[in-house]
Amino acid sequence: MNTLTLKIPSALEQELLRLSEQAHVSKSELVRRALAAFVAQQKAAATSALDQAGDLVGCFSGGHPDLSSNMDHLNFN
C-alpha cells in the first residue's frame, strides 16, 4: 500500500477522528473509503449516456425511421 501525506485543518481532523471512532475504523481507513467513493462518483459522472444506457439503444423495433428529423411526426399540442 502506498502512503499519501496531506495537511488538513484542525476542525476537519477533529471531525475525522470523531467519525472514525463512531465507525470503529482508523482515520486512514475512513479517508480511503471517502476517496474511493469520490473516485467512483467521478467515474460515474464521466460515463457517457450511451455507456450507461447502451443496452437500450436500438432495442425497439418498428416506428418511423426518421422520427427525430421529420417534422410531420412531431406533435405540438
Protein backbone atom coordinates (compact mmCIF):
# COMPACT_ATOMS: atom_id res chain seq x y z
CA MET A 1 0.00 0.00 0.00
CA ASN A 2 1.28 3.49 -0.82
CA THR A 3 1.48 6.43 1.57
CA LEU A 4 -0.05 9.86 0.97
CA THR A 5 0.67 12.77 3.29
CA LEU A 6 -1.62 15.78 3.36
CA LYS A 7 -2.38 18.77 5.53
CA ILE A 8 -5.91 19.34 6.76
CA PRO A 9 -7.45 21.99 9.03
CA SER A 10 -7.72 21.02 12.69
CA ALA A 11 -11.53 21.21 12.59
CA LEU A 12 -11.58 18.65 9.77
CA GLU A 13 -9.15 16.44 11.68
CA GLN A 14 -11.43 16.53 14.72
CA GLU A 15 -14.44 15.54 12.58
CA LEU A 16 -12.39 12.79 11.00
CA LEU A 17 -11.39 11.50 14.44
CA ARG A 18 -14.98 11.60 15.65
CA LEU A 19 -16.29 9.76 12.61
CA SER A 20 -13.53 7.16 12.71
CA GLU A 21 -14.30 6.40 16.35
CA GLN A 22 -18.00 6.20 15.56
CA ALA A 23 -17.36 3.78 12.67
CA HIS A 24 -14.73 1.84 14.65
CA VAL A 25 -12.13 2.24 11.90
CA SER A 26 -8.85 4.10 11.66
CA LYS A 27 -8.69 7.61 10.25
CA SER A 28 -6.70 6.20 7.32
CA GLU A 29 -9.42 3.65 6.56
CA LEU A 30 -12.09 6.34 6.73
CA VAL A 31 -10.14 8.56 4.32
CA ARG A 32 -9.54 5.60 1.97
CA ARG A 33 -13.28 4.91 1.90
CA ALA A 34 -14.08 8.56 1.26
CA LEU A 35 -11.53 8.78 -1.56
CA ALA A 36 -12.77 5.54 -3.12
CA ALA A 37 -16.36 6.84 -3.04
CA PHE A 38 -15.27 10.14 -4.59
CA VAL A 39 -13.32 8.41 -7.37
CA ALA A 40 -16.27 6.11 -8.12
CA GLN A 41 -18.61 9.10 -8.26
CA GLN A 42 -16.30 10.93 -10.67
CA LYS A 43 -16.04 7.86 -12.89
CA ALA A 44 -19.83 7.53 -12.98
CA ALA A 45 -20.22 11.21 -13.84
CA ALA A 46 -17.69 10.87 -16.67
CA THR A 47 -19.52 7.91 -18.21
CA SER A 48 -21.44 8.83 -21.33
CA ALA A 49 -25.18 8.40 -21.65
CA LEU A 50 -24.55 5.79 -24.34
CA ASP A 51 -22.34 3.79 -21.97
CA GLN A 52 -24.99 3.99 -19.25
CA ALA A 53 -27.94 3.03 -21.47
CA GLY A 54 -26.16 1.21 -24.27
CA ASP A 55 -28.25 -1.91 -23.82
CA LEU A 56 -31.39 0.14 -24.53
CA VAL A 57 -30.16 1.76 -27.76
CA GLY A 58 -31.81 0.09 -30.71
CA CYS A 59 -33.83 -2.34 -28.61
CA PHE A 60 -37.18 -1.23 -30.04
CA SER A 61 -38.34 -2.27 -33.46
CA GLY A 62 -40.85 -0.54 -35.66
CA GLY A 63 -41.82 3.09 -35.66
CA HIS A 64 -40.78 5.79 -38.09
CA PRO A 65 -37.08 5.67 -39.03
CA ASP A 66 -36.98 9.46 -39.49
CA LEU A 67 -38.81 10.31 -36.26
CA SER A 68 -36.11 12.65 -34.97
CA SER A 69 -35.82 14.68 -38.15
CA ASN A 70 -39.24 14.66 -39.82
CA MET A 71 -41.43 17.49 -38.50
CA ASP A 72 -44.56 15.69 -39.73
CA HIS A 73 -44.18 13.20 -36.86
CA LEU A 74 -43.86 15.81 -34.11
CA ASN A 75 -46.98 16.58 -32.09
CA PHE A 76 -47.03 20.05 -30.51
CA ASN A 77 -50.34 20.23 -28.63
